[in-house]
Each structure stands twice: as structure tokens, then as C-alpha cells.
Amino acid sequence: MGIITVLWEKWVEFRRDFYKITVAAMISPLMYLIIFGLGIRTTSHGEPYIQFLVPGLVAMTTMTGSFSAVAQNMSVQRLYEKALDQVMISPTPLWQFIAGQIIGGSLRGIYAACVILVLTVPVRHGLVFNGTSFIVMLLNGMVFSTLALVLSFLSKTYSDAPRFNTYIIMPMSFLCNTFFSVEEMPDGFRQVIELLPLSQASGMIRSIARGDAPGMLGFLILLIYLAVLSVISVYFIYRKKNL
């Protein structure tokens, strides 16, 4: 029941801010689509650049939607509203609270990605998005929802949340196989970028969109990120409870 309660809170928040959330999910990716998609005609492999760009935008939007759905709200609840203190003294098991936040954030990311899929219908000729694509989106969203939880526990002030977005999310948005292939990066730097979760999600969604099977290594890497970040977030919340 604890997970359902958290998801209901996320649903009420989504329903209340539906138009703001939808517009926010549209603006940045739409600008990228117009500027990059219309400005660059082909990739180094000769394919239409728009076909390369759309899967990257879908992965990136899943990341940003999931991260933003959790990071700022958790920071506000913990630092100002003190709502997290109420959760800790409630009968709700804390692991269920964590799970609800992760699932709720991921669903918000998938919603944002679906908005992009609708917007790109006229230009994504021949690209395939199926159930496996949504499994990748779900995993990607869960990873970044959990990352947002961890960072919200590390936040000292409300202004830390936008800083984390600037230091972590924005660089990954541009570097992690979204707007250009990691294959074009120099050795050493490329291998590090390839191991980041967004690079894996972008690569897998792009493979599926081209009709290929995604590599199992990508799923493994995302699951490792999810497991490690989940353990850290559970550790933080139980440590706070026991202070």
C-alpha cells in the first residue's frame, strides 16, 4: 500500500500540473528537433540525421522527465516542508516509499517520451518503437529517478537541485549518444561516456528503432546502476531515520 500511496501522490501532482508538465516536456526536445533535425541532413554513416536524432531525443527526454519529477519535489519535501519526516514516522515501510518514488518518476519520464513520439510522427519514417523500447525507457527512467533520490538526500539547500541538473544531467544530454555518436569521440573519453546510463539507453533505443536487437550488455549496465543507486538511496533514508 505504501507504493500505491506514493504513486497516487504522483498522479495527483501530475493531474494538477498536467499542462505545465506537458509543455515542459515538449519545448526543449522540440527545439532540438527543429535546430538539429532540420539543420543537419545526414550522419557520417549516410543515414538521415533526423532518424539518428529521434531515438536519442526519446532517451534523453525519459532521463530529464524522470529526474526532474523526483529531484526538486524531494528536495522541497525534505528541506522545507519536512514532509519526509512525516513519512519516517508513518507506518509506511521506507523501502515502499523509495520504490514508489522510483516508479512514479519513471512513469513521468515515459509520459514525456510519449509526447516526443507523438510530435515526431511526421518525421520518423521507418523507425520502430515497440514494447522493448518501452522497457528500455522504463529502466532508464528508474535509473535517473533513483539518481534524483540520491542527490536530493545530498542537497543542502533548494538551489542544489538545479546545480545537480547543470553538473550532471545537462552534460549527459549532449554527450551520451544523443546528438552525435559516441564512436566519433577520442579513445579513453569514449569508453567512459559509453558506460553512462543514457549512452546505453540511447544506443539500445536506436538499435530497436533500426530494427535490430538491443545488446544484453546495455540492460545489464542499466540494472547495475539501478541496483547500486537503490541501495544508496535506501541507506540514506534509513540513516536519516536512525539519527
C-alpha atoms as a PDB file:
ATOM      1  CA  MET A   1       0.000   0.000   0.000  1.00  0.00           C
ATOM      2  CA  GLY A   2       2.916   2.353   0.590  1.00  0.00           C
ATOM      3  CA  ILE A   3       3.925   2.205  -3.077  1.00  0.00           C
ATOM      4  CA  ILE A   4       0.319   2.851  -4.184  1.00  0.00           C
ATOM      5  CA  THR A   5       0.131   5.861  -1.844  1.00  0.00           C
ATOM      6  CA  VAL A   6       3.277   7.411  -3.325  1.00  0.00           C
ATOM      7  CA  LEU A   7       2.081   6.716  -6.866  1.00  0.00           C
ATOM      8  CA  TRP A   8      -1.269   8.331  -6.024  1.00  0.00           C
ATOM      9  CA  GLU A   9       0.586  11.408  -4.803  1.00  0.00           C
ATOM     10  CA  LYS A  10       2.493  11.492  -8.106  1.00  0.00           C
ATOM     11  CA  TRP A  11      -0.775  11.115 -10.039  1.00  0.00           C
ATOM     12  CA  VAL A  12      -2.438  13.987  -8.145  1.00  0.00           C
ATOM     13  CA  GLU A  13       0.613  16.147  -8.806  1.00  0.00           C
ATOM     14  CA  PHE A  14       0.578  15.165 -12.493  1.00  0.00           C
ATOM     15  CA  ARG A  15      -3.140  15.875 -12.852  1.00  0.00           C
ATOM     16  CA  ARG A  16      -2.776  19.246 -11.121  1.00  0.00           C
ATOM     17  CA  ASP A  17       0.166  20.366 -13.274  1.00  0.00           C
ATOM     18  CA  PHE A  18      -0.746  18.461 -16.453  1.00  0.00           C
ATOM     19  CA  TYR A  19      -0.371  21.388 -18.850  1.00  0.00           C
ATOM     20  CA  LYS A  20       2.854  22.650 -17.281  1.00  0.00           C
ATOM     21  CA  ILE A  21       4.368  19.157 -17.348  1.00  0.00           C
ATOM     22  CA  THR A  22       3.320  18.557 -20.955  1.00  0.00           C
ATOM     23  CA  VAL A  23       4.608  21.891 -22.229  1.00  0.00           C
ATOM     24  CA  ALA A  24       7.871  21.452 -20.326  1.00  0.00           C
ATOM     25  CA  ALA A  25       8.275  18.001 -21.892  1.00  0.00           C
ATOM     26  CA  MET A  26       7.762  19.476 -25.363  1.00  0.00           C
ATOM     27  CA  ILE A  27       9.775  22.678 -25.504  1.00  0.00           C
ATOM     28  CA  SER A  28      13.433  21.616 -25.246  1.00  0.00           C
ATOM     29  CA  PRO A  29      13.181  18.436 -27.352  1.00  0.00           C
ATOM     30  CA  LEU A  30      11.117  20.289 -29.945  1.00  0.00           C
ATOM     31  CA  MET A  31      13.781  22.975 -30.203  1.00  0.00           C
ATOM     32  CA  TYR A  32      16.482  20.329 -30.574  1.00  0.00           C
ATOM     33  CA  LEU A  33      14.380  18.601 -33.223  1.00  0.00           C
ATOM     34  CA  ILE A  34      13.954  21.777 -35.228  1.00  0.00           C
ATOM     35  CA  ILE A  35      17.509  23.111 -34.880  1.00  0.00           C
ATOM     36  CA  PHE A  36      19.456  19.871 -35.263  1.00  0.00           C
ATOM     37  CA  GLY A  37      16.948  17.841 -37.251  1.00  0.00           C
ATOM     38  CA  LEU A  38      16.451  20.445 -39.964  1.00  0.00           C
ATOM     39  CA  GLY A  39      19.973  21.832 -39.833  1.00  0.00           C
ATOM     40  CA  ILE A  40      21.900  18.575 -40.341  1.00  0.00           C
ATOM     41  CA  ARG A  41      20.931  16.375 -43.275  1.00  0.00           C
ATOM     42  CA  THR A  42      22.913  13.163 -42.843  1.00  0.00           C
ATOM     43  CA  THR A  43      25.166  11.406 -40.345  1.00  0.00           C
ATOM     44  CA  SER A  44      28.668  10.153 -41.021  1.00  0.00           C
ATOM     45  CA  HIS A  45      27.073   6.797 -41.929  1.00  0.00           C
ATOM     46  CA  GLY A  46      24.920   8.414 -44.601  1.00  0.00           C
ATOM     47  CA  GLU A  47      21.552   7.959 -42.880  1.00  0.00           C
ATOM     48  CA  PRO A  48      19.148  10.916 -42.482  1.00  0.00           C
ATOM     49  CA  TYR A  49      20.201  12.712 -39.330  1.00  0.00           C
ATOM     50  CA  ILE A  50      16.603  13.014 -38.169  1.00  0.00           C
ATOM     51  CA  GLN A  51      16.455   9.190 -37.981  1.00  0.00           C
ATOM     52  CA  PHE A  52      19.525   9.218 -35.721  1.00  0.00           C
ATOM     53  CA  LEU A  53      18.236  12.115 -33.632  1.00  0.00           C
ATOM     54  CA  VAL A  54      14.734  10.913 -32.716  1.00  0.00           C
ATOM     55  CA  PRO A  55      15.760   7.831 -30.645  1.00  0.00           C
ATOM     56  CA  GLY A  56      18.348   9.950 -28.832  1.00  0.00           C
ATOM     57  CA  LEU A  57      15.723  12.565 -28.003  1.00  0.00           C
ATOM     58  CA  VAL A  58      13.383   9.864 -26.699  1.00  0.00           C
ATOM     59  CA  ALA A  59      16.079   8.505 -24.373  1.00  0.00           C
ATOM     60  CA  MET A  60      17.122  11.988 -23.256  1.00  0.00           C
ATOM     61  CA  THR A  61      13.530  13.028 -22.546  1.00  0.00           C
ATOM     62  CA  THR A  62      12.984   9.890 -20.469  1.00  0.00           C
ATOM     63  CA  MET A  63      16.046  10.860 -18.443  1.00  0.00           C
ATOM     64  CA  THR A  64      15.138  14.514 -17.893  1.00  0.00           C
ATOM     65  CA  GLY A  65      11.462  13.799 -17.233  1.00  0.00           C
ATOM     66  CA  SER A  66      12.204  11.145 -14.624  1.00  0.00           C
ATOM     67  CA  PHE A  67      14.972  13.109 -12.936  1.00  0.00           C
ATOM     68  CA  SER A  68      13.028  16.376 -12.676  1.00  0.00           C
ATOM     69  CA  ALA A  69       9.890  14.588 -11.426  1.00  0.00           C
ATOM     70  CA  VAL A  70      11.764  13.442  -8.321  1.00  0.00           C
ATOM     71  CA  ALA A  71      14.697  15.778  -7.675  1.00  0.00           C
ATOM     72  CA  GLN A  72      13.046  19.108  -6.956  1.00  0.00           C
ATOM     73  CA  ASN A  73       9.992  17.713  -5.165  1.00  0.00           C
ATOM     74  CA  MET A  74      12.091  15.556  -2.873  1.00  0.00           C
ATOM     75  CA  SER A  75      14.425  18.446  -2.095  1.00  0.00           C
ATOM     76  CA  VAL A  76      11.477  20.683  -1.190  1.00  0.00           C
ATOM     77  CA  GLN A  77       9.785  17.963   0.885  1.00  0.00           C
ATOM     78  CA  ARG A  78      12.983  17.188   2.773  1.00  0.00           C
ATOM     79  CA  LEU A  79      14.385  20.692   3.331  1.00  0.00           C
ATOM     80  CA  TYR A  80      11.343  22.968   3.639  1.00  0.00           C
ATOM     81  CA  GLU A  81       8.064  21.133   4.024  1.00  0.00           C
ATOM     82  CA  LYS A  82       9.642  18.484   6.280  1.00  0.00           C
ATOM     83  CA  ALA A  83       7.207  16.022   4.686  1.00  0.00           C
ATOM     84  CA  LEU A  84       9.908  13.360   4.649  1.00  0.00           C
ATOM     85  CA  ASP A  85       9.969  13.459   8.447  1.00  0.00           C
ATOM     86  CA  GLN A  86       6.244  12.637   8.424  1.00  0.00           C
ATOM     87  CA  VAL A  87       6.897   9.679   6.120  1.00  0.00           C
ATOM     88  CA  MET A  88       9.518   8.351   8.522  1.00  0.00           C
ATOM     89  CA  ILE A  89       7.147   8.288  11.483  1.00  0.00           C
ATOM     90  CA  SER A  90       4.267   6.864   9.454  1.00  0.00           C
ATOM     91  CA  PRO A  91       3.515   3.110   9.197  1.00  0.00           C
ATOM     92  CA  THR A  92       4.649   3.129   5.552  1.00  0.00           C
ATOM     93  CA  PRO A  93       7.784   0.986   5.089  1.00  0.00           C
ATOM     94  CA  LEU A  94      10.535   3.258   3.819  1.00  0.00           C
ATOM     95  CA  TRP A  95      11.529   0.859   1.043  1.00  0.00           C
ATOM     96  CA  GLN A  96       7.990   1.203  -0.330  1.00  0.00           C
ATOM     97  CA  PHE A  97       8.320   4.982  -0.269  1.00  0.00           C
ATOM     98  CA  ILE A  98      11.587   4.675  -2.235  1.00  0.00           C
ATOM     99  CA  ALA A  99      10.025   2.224  -4.712  1.00  0.00           C
ATOM    100  CA  GLY A 100       7.026   4.487  -5.240  1.00  0.00           C
ATOM    101  CA  GLN A 101       9.242   7.484  -5.954  1.00  0.00           C
ATOM    102  CA  ILE A 102      11.322   5.479  -8.448  1.00  0.00           C
ATOM    103  CA  ILE A 103       8.324   4.029 -10.287  1.00  0.00           C
ATOM    104  CA  GLY A 104       6.419   7.320 -10.261  1.00  0.00           C
ATOM    105  CA  GLY A 105       9.395   9.255 -11.609  1.00  0.00           C
ATOM    106  CA  SER A 106       9.963   6.675 -14.319  1.00  0.00           C
ATOM    107  CA  LEU A 107       6.335   6.820 -15.437  1.00  0.00           C
ATOM    108  CA  ARG A 108       6.634  10.597 -15.713  1.00  0.00           C
ATOM    109  CA  GLY A 109       9.698  10.132 -17.910  1.00  0.00           C
ATOM    110  CA  ILE A 110       7.862   7.659 -20.134  1.00  0.00           C
ATOM    111  CA  TYR A 111       4.992  10.125 -20.468  1.00  0.00           C
ATOM    112  CA  ALA A 112       7.431  12.832 -21.591  1.00  0.00           C
ATOM    113  CA  ALA A 113       8.965  10.397 -24.111  1.00  0.00           C
ATOM    114  CA  CYS A 114       5.498   9.560 -25.466  1.00  0.00           C
ATOM    115  CA  VAL A 115       4.911  13.270 -26.063  1.00  0.00           C
ATOM    116  CA  ILE A 116       8.084  13.314 -28.196  1.00  0.00           C
ATOM    117  CA  LEU A 117       6.984  10.199 -30.082  1.00  0.00           C
ATOM    118  CA  VAL A 118       3.708  11.915 -30.948  1.00  0.00           C
ATOM    119  CA  LEU A 119       5.486  15.101 -32.047  1.00  0.00           C
ATOM    120  CA  THR A 120       7.900  13.185 -34.288  1.00  0.00           C
ATOM    121  CA  VAL A 121       5.316  11.028 -36.090  1.00  0.00           C
ATOM    122  CA  PRO A 122       5.648  13.071 -39.331  1.00  0.00           C
ATOM    123  CA  VAL A 123       9.461  12.720 -39.493  1.00  0.00           C
ATOM    124  CA  ARG A 124      10.350   9.276 -38.094  1.00  0.00           C
ATOM    125  CA  HIS A 125       9.711   7.243 -41.236  1.00  0.00           C
ATOM    126  CA  GLY A 126      10.695   3.599 -40.825  1.00  0.00           C
ATOM    127  CA  LEU A 127      11.717   3.885 -37.161  1.00  0.00           C
ATOM    128  CA  VAL A 128      10.378   1.151 -34.879  1.00  0.00           C
ATOM    129  CA  PHE A 129       9.259   1.747 -31.289  1.00  0.00           C
ATOM    130  CA  ASN A 130       7.852  -1.347 -29.613  1.00  0.00           C
ATOM    131  CA  GLY A 131       7.442  -2.964 -26.213  1.00  0.00           C
ATOM    132  CA  THR A 132      11.187  -3.489 -25.841  1.00  0.00           C
ATOM    133  CA  SER A 133      11.710   0.232 -26.435  1.00  0.00           C
ATOM    134  CA  PHE A 134       9.398   0.991 -23.528  1.00  0.00           C
ATOM    135  CA  ILE A 135      11.199  -1.498 -21.285  1.00  0.00           C
ATOM    136  CA  VAL A 136      14.425   0.405 -22.015  1.00  0.00           C
ATOM    137  CA  MET A 137      12.645   3.713 -21.313  1.00  0.00           C
ATOM    138  CA  LEU A 138      11.293   2.306 -18.044  1.00  0.00           C
ATOM    139  CA  LEU A 139      14.731   1.139 -16.921  1.00  0.00           C
ATOM    140  CA  ASN A 140      16.345   4.402 -17.977  1.00  0.00           C
ATOM    141  CA  GLY A 141      13.685   6.384 -16.115  1.00  0.00           C
ATOM    142  CA  MET A 142      14.094   4.265 -12.988  1.00  0.00           C
ATOM    143  CA  VAL A 143      17.872   4.795 -13.020  1.00  0.00           C
ATOM    144  CA  PHE A 144      17.524   8.573 -13.181  1.00  0.00           C
ATOM    145  CA  SER A 145      14.640   8.688 -10.688  1.00  0.00           C
ATOM    146  CA  THR A 146      16.887   6.814  -8.252  1.00  0.00           C
ATOM    147  CA  LEU A 147      19.793   9.131  -9.031  1.00  0.00           C
ATOM    148  CA  ALA A 148      17.486  12.069  -8.273  1.00  0.00           C
ATOM    149  CA  LEU A 149      16.610  10.482  -4.917  1.00  0.00           C
ATOM    150  CA  VAL A 150      20.274  10.058  -4.006  1.00  0.00           C
ATOM    151  CA  LEU A 151      21.126  13.633  -4.983  1.00  0.00           C
ATOM    152  CA  SER A 152      18.110  15.026  -3.126  1.00  0.00           C
ATOM    153  CA  PHE A 153      19.427  13.414   0.070  1.00  0.00           C
ATOM    154  CA  LEU A 154      22.779  15.098  -0.602  1.00  0.00           C
ATOM    155  CA  SER A 155      21.203  18.519  -1.191  1.00  0.00           C
ATOM    156  CA  LYS A 156      21.928  21.092   1.493  1.00  0.00           C
ATOM    157  CA  THR A 157      19.716  23.837   0.035  1.00  0.00           C
ATOM    158  CA  TYR A 158      16.900  24.017  -2.501  1.00  0.00           C
ATOM    159  CA  SER A 159      19.269  25.629  -5.027  1.00  0.00           C
ATOM    160  CA  ASP A 160      21.360  22.434  -5.105  1.00  0.00           C
ATOM    161  CA  ALA A 161      18.762  20.663  -7.270  1.00  0.00           C
ATOM    162  CA  PRO A 162      19.260  22.966 -10.297  1.00  0.00           C
ATOM    163  CA  ARG A 163      23.036  22.723  -9.788  1.00  0.00           C
ATOM    164  CA  PHE A 164      22.918  18.931  -9.993  1.00  0.00           C
ATOM    165  CA  ASN A 165      20.922  19.306 -13.182  1.00  0.00           C
ATOM    166  CA  THR A 166      23.622  21.591 -14.610  1.00  0.00           C
ATOM    167  CA  TYR A 167      26.566  19.463 -13.474  1.00  0.00           C
ATOM    168  CA  ILE A 168      25.201  16.010 -14.321  1.00  0.00           C
ATOM    169  CA  ILE A 169      22.055  15.938 -16.462  1.00  0.00           C
ATOM    170  CA  MET A 170      22.898  18.632 -18.999  1.00  0.00           C
ATOM    171  CA  PRO A 171      26.368  17.241 -19.887  1.00  0.00           C
ATOM    172  CA  MET A 172      24.900  13.766 -20.339  1.00  0.00           C
ATOM    173  CA  SER A 173      22.148  15.224 -22.526  1.00  0.00           C
ATOM    174  CA  PHE A 174      24.703  16.430 -25.046  1.00  0.00           C
ATOM    175  CA  LEU A 175      27.437  13.793 -24.759  1.00  0.00           C
ATOM    176  CA  CYS A 176      25.689  10.454 -24.286  1.00  0.00           C
ATOM    177  CA  ASN A 177      24.913   9.227 -27.801  1.00  0.00           C
ATOM    178  CA  THR A 178      22.020  11.638 -28.294  1.00  0.00           C
ATOM    179  CA  PHE A 179      23.014  14.297 -30.826  1.00  0.00           C
ATOM    180  CA  PHE A 180      26.075  12.534 -32.220  1.00  0.00           C
ATOM    181  CA  SER A 181      27.533   9.047 -31.979  1.00  0.00           C
ATOM    182  CA  VAL A 182      29.994   8.250 -29.217  1.00  0.00           C
ATOM    183  CA  GLU A 183      32.032   6.482 -31.914  1.00  0.00           C
ATOM    184  CA  GLU A 184      33.245   9.913 -33.007  1.00  0.00           C
ATOM    185  CA  MET A 185      34.802  10.654 -29.602  1.00  0.00           C
ATOM    186  CA  PRO A 186      38.520  10.180 -28.863  1.00  0.00           C
ATOM    187  CA  ASP A 187      39.690   6.939 -27.258  1.00  0.00           C
ATOM    188  CA  GLY A 188      39.652   6.954 -23.477  1.00  0.00           C
ATOM    189  CA  PHE A 189      36.939   9.588 -23.256  1.00  0.00           C
ATOM    190  CA  ARG A 190      34.670   7.485 -25.471  1.00  0.00           C
ATOM    191  CA  GLN A 191      34.881   4.418 -23.233  1.00  0.00           C
ATOM    192  CA  VAL A 192      33.901   6.452 -20.167  1.00  0.00           C
ATOM    193  CA  ILE A 193      30.928   8.051 -21.930  1.00  0.00           C
ATOM    194  CA  GLU A 194      29.780   4.692 -23.282  1.00  0.00           C
ATOM    195  CA  LEU A 195      29.432   3.356 -19.733  1.00  0.00           C
ATOM    196  CA  LEU A 196      26.997   6.103 -18.676  1.00  0.00           C
ATOM    197  CA  PRO A 197      23.342   5.015 -18.474  1.00  0.00           C
ATOM    198  CA  LEU A 198      21.999   7.474 -21.042  1.00  0.00           C
ATOM    199  CA  SER A 199      24.538   6.279 -23.621  1.00  0.00           C
ATOM    200  CA  GLN A 200      23.331   2.720 -23.130  1.00  0.00           C
ATOM    201  CA  ALA A 201      19.645   3.690 -23.282  1.00  0.00           C
ATOM    202  CA  SER A 202      20.149   5.823 -26.405  1.00  0.00           C
ATOM    203  CA  GLY A 203      22.080   3.063 -28.123  1.00  0.00           C
ATOM    204  CA  MET A 204      19.504   0.391 -27.324  1.00  0.00           C
ATOM    205  CA  ILE A 205      16.511   2.523 -28.354  1.00  0.00           C
ATOM    206  CA  ARG A 206      18.311   3.443 -31.574  1.00  0.00           C
ATOM    207  CA  SER A 207      19.091  -0.222 -32.325  1.00  0.00           C
ATOM    208  CA  ILE A 208      15.434  -1.158 -31.810  1.00  0.00           C
ATOM    209  CA  ALA A 209      14.317   1.788 -33.972  1.00  0.00           C
ATOM    210  CA  ARG A 210      16.503   0.482 -36.813  1.00  0.00           C
ATOM    211  CA  GLY A 211      15.010  -2.986 -36.482  1.00  0.00           C
ATOM    212  CA  ASP A 212      17.981  -4.563 -34.689  1.00  0.00           C
ATOM    213  CA  ALA A 213      18.073  -6.365 -31.352  1.00  0.00           C
ATOM    214  CA  PRO A 214      19.426  -4.332 -28.420  1.00  0.00           C
ATOM    215  CA  GLY A 215      22.523  -5.720 -26.738  1.00  0.00           C
ATOM    216  CA  MET A 216      22.034  -7.504 -23.430  1.00  0.00           C
ATOM    217  CA  LEU A 217      25.067  -5.654 -22.050  1.00  0.00           C
ATOM    218  CA  GLY A 218      23.063  -2.428 -22.094  1.00  0.00           C
ATOM    219  CA  PHE A 219      20.311  -3.966 -19.960  1.00  0.00           C
ATOM    220  CA  LEU A 220      22.924  -5.315 -17.552  1.00  0.00           C
ATOM    221  CA  ILE A 221      24.608  -1.922 -17.167  1.00  0.00           C
ATOM    222  CA  LEU A 222      21.271  -0.174 -16.508  1.00  0.00           C
ATOM    223  CA  LEU A 223      20.300  -2.820 -13.949  1.00  0.00           C
ATOM    224  CA  ILE A 224      23.651  -2.412 -12.172  1.00  0.00           C
ATOM    225  CA  TYR A 225      23.150   1.370 -11.994  1.00  0.00           C
ATOM    226  CA  LEU A 226      19.613   0.842 -10.684  1.00  0.00           C
ATOM    227  CA  ALA A 227      20.707  -1.657  -8.039  1.00  0.00           C
ATOM    228  CA  VAL A 228      23.636   0.430  -6.772  1.00  0.00           C
ATOM    229  CA  LEU A 229      21.675   3.699  -6.656  1.00  0.00           C
ATOM    230  CA  SER A 230      18.706   1.978  -4.982  1.00  0.00           C
ATOM    231  CA  VAL A 231      20.947   0.604  -2.226  1.00  0.00           C
ATOM    232  CA  ILE A 232      22.470   4.049  -1.696  1.00  0.00           C
ATOM    233  CA  SER A 233      19.054   5.756  -1.521  1.00  0.00           C
ATOM    234  CA  VAL A 234      17.730   3.168   0.951  1.00  0.00           C
ATOM    235  CA  TYR A 235      20.888   3.598   3.046  1.00  0.00           C
ATOM    236  CA  PHE A 236      20.424   7.392   3.120  1.00  0.00           C
ATOM    237  CA  ILE A 237      16.779   7.295   4.145  1.00  0.00           C
ATOM    238  CA  TYR A 238      17.284   4.666   6.871  1.00  0.00           C
ATOM    239  CA  ARG A 239      20.334   6.523   8.165  1.00  0.00           C
ATOM    240  CA  LYS A 240      18.251   9.695   8.427  1.00  0.00           C
ATOM    241  CA  LYS A 241      15.543   7.791  10.261  1.00  0.00           C
ATOM    242  CA  ASN A 242      18.029   6.491  12.801  1.00  0.00           C
ATOM    243  CA  LEU A 243      19.712   9.833  13.517  1.00  0.00           C
END
